[in-house]
Protein backbone atom coordinates (compact mmCIF):
# COMPACT_ATOMS: atom_id res chain seq x y z
CA MET A 1 102.42 -21.06 -28.80
CA ARG A 2 100.18 -23.04 -31.16
CA GLY A 3 98.14 -24.36 -28.23
CA ARG A 4 97.58 -20.83 -26.97
CA GLN A 5 96.32 -19.75 -30.42
CA VAL A 6 93.90 -22.68 -30.53
CA ALA A 7 92.68 -21.82 -27.02
CA GLY A 8 92.21 -18.20 -28.11
CA VAL A 9 90.13 -19.23 -31.12
CA VAL A 10 88.00 -21.54 -28.95
CA PHE A 11 87.52 -18.71 -26.41
CA ALA A 12 86.52 -16.28 -29.18
CA LEU A 13 84.04 -18.73 -30.72
CA PHE A 14 82.57 -19.57 -27.30
CA LEU A 15 82.04 -15.90 -26.48
CA THR A 16 80.61 -15.04 -29.88
CA GLY A 17 78.25 -18.00 -29.65
CA CYS A 18 77.01 -17.02 -26.20
CA ILE A 19 77.27 -13.24 -26.20
CA PRO A 20 76.45 -10.68 -28.87
CA ILE A 21 79.64 -8.78 -29.67
CA ALA A 22 77.94 -5.74 -31.24
CA THR A 23 75.74 -3.51 -29.11
CA LEU A 24 74.74 -1.16 -31.96
CA ARG A 25 72.02 0.45 -29.83
CA THR A 26 71.92 4.10 -28.80
CA PRO A 27 70.64 5.52 -25.50
CA GLU A 28 67.50 6.81 -27.23
CA VAL A 29 64.61 4.39 -26.95
CA VAL A 30 63.06 3.58 -30.33
CA GLN A 31 59.73 5.21 -31.05
CA GLY A 32 58.10 3.09 -33.74
CA ARG A 33 60.16 0.40 -35.48
CA GLN A 34 63.80 0.09 -36.48
CA PHE A 35 65.89 -2.49 -38.34
CA THR A 36 69.70 -2.64 -38.25
CA LEU A 37 71.89 -4.71 -40.54
CA GLY A 38 75.67 -4.90 -40.14
CA GLY A 39 78.52 -6.95 -38.79
CA SER A 40 81.51 -7.19 -36.48
CA LEU A 41 85.22 -7.78 -36.94
CA ILE A 42 86.64 -9.47 -33.84
CA ALA A 43 90.35 -9.65 -33.07
CA SER A 44 92.11 -11.52 -30.29
CA ARG A 45 95.83 -11.49 -29.61
CA ASP A 46 95.56 -15.03 -28.25
CA ALA A 47 93.64 -16.22 -31.31
CA GLY A 48 96.24 -14.73 -33.62
CA GLY A 49 93.69 -13.48 -36.12
CA ALA A 50 90.27 -12.08 -36.76
CA LEU A 51 86.73 -13.33 -37.16
CA VAL A 52 83.86 -11.63 -39.06
CA LEU A 53 80.26 -12.08 -37.88
CA PRO A 54 77.07 -10.68 -39.45
CA TYR A 55 74.57 -8.81 -37.28
CA ALA A 56 70.83 -8.16 -37.67
CA ALA A 57 68.47 -6.48 -35.21
CA TYR A 58 64.85 -5.39 -34.96
CA ALA A 59 63.48 -3.03 -32.31
CA PHE A 60 60.13 -1.45 -31.58
CA GLY A 61 59.05 0.89 -28.83
CA ASP A 62 57.01 3.84 -27.66
CA GLY A 63 59.84 6.22 -26.76
CA ASN A 64 59.94 5.07 -23.11
CA VAL A 65 60.30 1.28 -23.42
CA GLU A 66 61.90 -0.61 -26.30
CA TYR A 67 61.82 -4.31 -27.12
CA ASN A 68 64.78 -5.46 -29.20
CA PHE A 69 65.83 -8.68 -30.88
CA SER A 70 69.20 -9.33 -32.48
CA VAL A 71 71.06 -12.20 -34.09
CA GLN A 72 74.83 -12.53 -34.06
CA MET A 73 75.31 -16.30 -33.92
CA GLY A 74 72.99 -16.48 -30.90
CA LEU A 75 69.48 -14.98 -30.67
CA ARG A 76 69.16 -12.14 -28.13
CA ALA A 77 65.91 -10.68 -26.82
CA GLY A 78 66.06 -7.56 -24.71
CA ILE A 79 64.23 -4.63 -23.23
CA LYS A 80 65.53 -1.07 -22.89
CA TRP A 81 64.13 1.61 -20.58
CA ALA A 82 64.74 5.33 -20.87
CA VAL A 83 66.03 6.47 -17.47
CA GLU A 84 66.48 10.10 -18.50
CA PRO A 85 67.48 11.86 -21.73
CA GLY A 86 70.77 10.36 -22.91
CA LEU A 87 70.69 7.45 -20.44
CA SER A 88 68.98 4.07 -20.70
CA LEU A 89 69.13 0.66 -19.06
CA ASP A 90 69.31 -2.37 -21.36
CA VAL A 91 68.70 -5.96 -20.18
CA GLY A 92 68.65 -9.08 -22.34
CA GLY A 93 69.02 -12.80 -22.63
CA THR A 94 70.76 -14.78 -25.35
CA LEU A 95 70.03 -18.30 -26.52
CA PRO A 96 73.26 -19.51 -28.14
CA PRO A 97 73.20 -21.83 -31.17
CA LEU A 98 75.07 -24.40 -29.07
CA ILE A 99 72.18 -26.65 -28.08
CA VAL A 100 73.68 -30.03 -27.24
CA ALA A 101 72.37 -33.24 -25.70
CA GLU A 102 74.39 -32.67 -22.51
CA GLY A 103 72.75 -29.37 -21.67
CA LEU A 104 71.92 -25.86 -22.75
CA PRO A 105 74.08 -22.76 -22.31
CA LEU A 106 72.30 -19.50 -21.48
CA ALA A 107 73.58 -15.95 -21.25
CA GLY A 108 72.12 -12.79 -19.77
CA ASP A 109 73.37 -9.22 -19.87
CA ILE A 110 72.74 -5.88 -18.24
CA GLY A 111 74.18 -2.61 -19.39
CA LEU A 112 73.86 1.13 -19.55
CA LEU A 113 73.74 3.22 -22.70
CA ILE A 114 75.14 6.67 -22.04
CA GLY A 115 74.78 9.38 -24.68
CA LEU A 116 77.57 11.84 -25.40
CA ASP A 117 75.99 13.08 -28.64
CA PRO A 118 76.88 11.94 -31.33
CA PHE A 119 78.83 9.32 -29.35
CA TYR A 120 77.56 6.72 -26.92
CA LEU A 121 79.21 4.55 -24.28
CA SER A 122 77.92 1.16 -23.16
CA PRO A 123 79.42 -0.59 -20.12
CA ARG A 124 77.87 -4.05 -19.86
CA LEU A 125 78.15 -7.21 -17.75
CA HIS A 126 77.33 -10.65 -19.17
CA GLY A 127 76.64 -13.81 -17.19
CA ILE A 128 77.04 -17.19 -18.89
CA ALA A 129 75.74 -20.43 -17.40
CA PHE A 130 75.84 -24.01 -18.62
CA GLN A 131 73.92 -26.66 -16.73
CA SER A 132 75.01 -30.13 -17.77
CA ASN A 133 72.87 -33.26 -17.64
CA ASN A 134 76.00 -35.38 -17.96
CA THR A 135 77.55 -36.34 -14.62
CA THR A 136 81.07 -36.37 -16.08
CA LEU A 137 80.68 -32.76 -17.25
CA ARG A 138 80.42 -30.04 -14.67
CA SER A 139 78.09 -27.11 -14.66
CA LEU A 140 79.89 -23.84 -15.17
CA GLY A 141 79.35 -20.13 -15.09
CA ALA A 142 81.33 -17.04 -15.97
CA LEU A 143 81.09 -13.27 -15.83
CA VAL A 144 82.31 -11.29 -18.82
CA TYR A 145 82.70 -7.53 -19.04
CA GLN A 146 82.15 -5.45 -22.17
CA LEU A 147 82.80 -1.79 -22.91
CA SER A 148 81.70 -0.28 -26.22
CA LEU A 149 82.21 3.23 -27.57
CA GLY A 150 80.01 4.07 -30.52
CA TYR A 151 79.28 6.82 -33.01
CA ARG A 152 75.79 7.50 -34.30
CA GLY A 153 75.39 8.92 -37.80
CA GLU A 154 72.15 9.76 -39.61
CA SER A 155 71.47 6.21 -40.78
CA PHE A 156 74.42 4.20 -39.45
CA LEU A 157 76.24 3.22 -36.26
CA THR A 158 79.88 2.30 -35.72
CA GLU A 159 81.50 1.14 -32.51
CA VAL A 160 84.66 -0.26 -31.06
CA GLY A 161 84.41 -2.66 -28.14
CA LEU A 162 86.48 -4.55 -25.63
CA MET A 163 85.23 -7.77 -24.04
CA GLY A 164 86.93 -10.13 -21.67
CA GLY A 165 86.80 -12.33 -18.62
CA PHE A 166 87.92 -11.23 -15.20
CA GLY A 167 90.65 -13.88 -15.28
CA GLY A 168 92.37 -12.32 -18.31
CA GLY A 169 92.14 -12.47 -22.07
CA ALA A 170 90.24 -9.95 -24.15
CA LEU A 171 88.57 -9.55 -27.53
CA LEU A 172 88.71 -6.30 -29.47
CA SER A 173 85.84 -5.68 -31.88
CA PHE A 174 84.81 -3.19 -34.52
CA SER A 175 81.14 -3.19 -35.47
CA ALA A 176 79.08 -1.19 -37.92
CA GLY A 177 75.48 -1.24 -39.04
CA ALA A 178 73.01 0.58 -41.24
CA ARG A 179 69.70 1.58 -39.64
CA PHE A 180 66.42 1.45 -41.52
């Protein structure tokens, strides 16, 4: 049982280092500039506990296209396009803080933001790749799904999310942020 808890904690830290847990973006494309400050509480049954991570984001756009940057362990840069009112496509890449001599992990994501005013839904798929320079280590890749349901208030966002691999295991998260 103890080994499973350790594996769960390692899995949670790996995911949070490679993938932003909080979406905290609505389907509406930013017109002008916006700053969000908040955090996430992540729980995993396998980890046997919870982890708290701060979140900060900056976005600017013209109402049709938005460029967004966020930090939640790793640095994510993304672009969001308005498809139609209440629907947008969001694509991004994350540079995790796990730069090591053996190689560099990278993560990319694609997702939809669907508005159900004042709620929003965000199904998302993340791809993680690690190319190793060390011949004893192997290169690896993984696909991770994420589903977030959020609520948009006047100056804040809250959301609950589920993230996991297709082979099993999942992380439950609660995120909130104030928008400026």
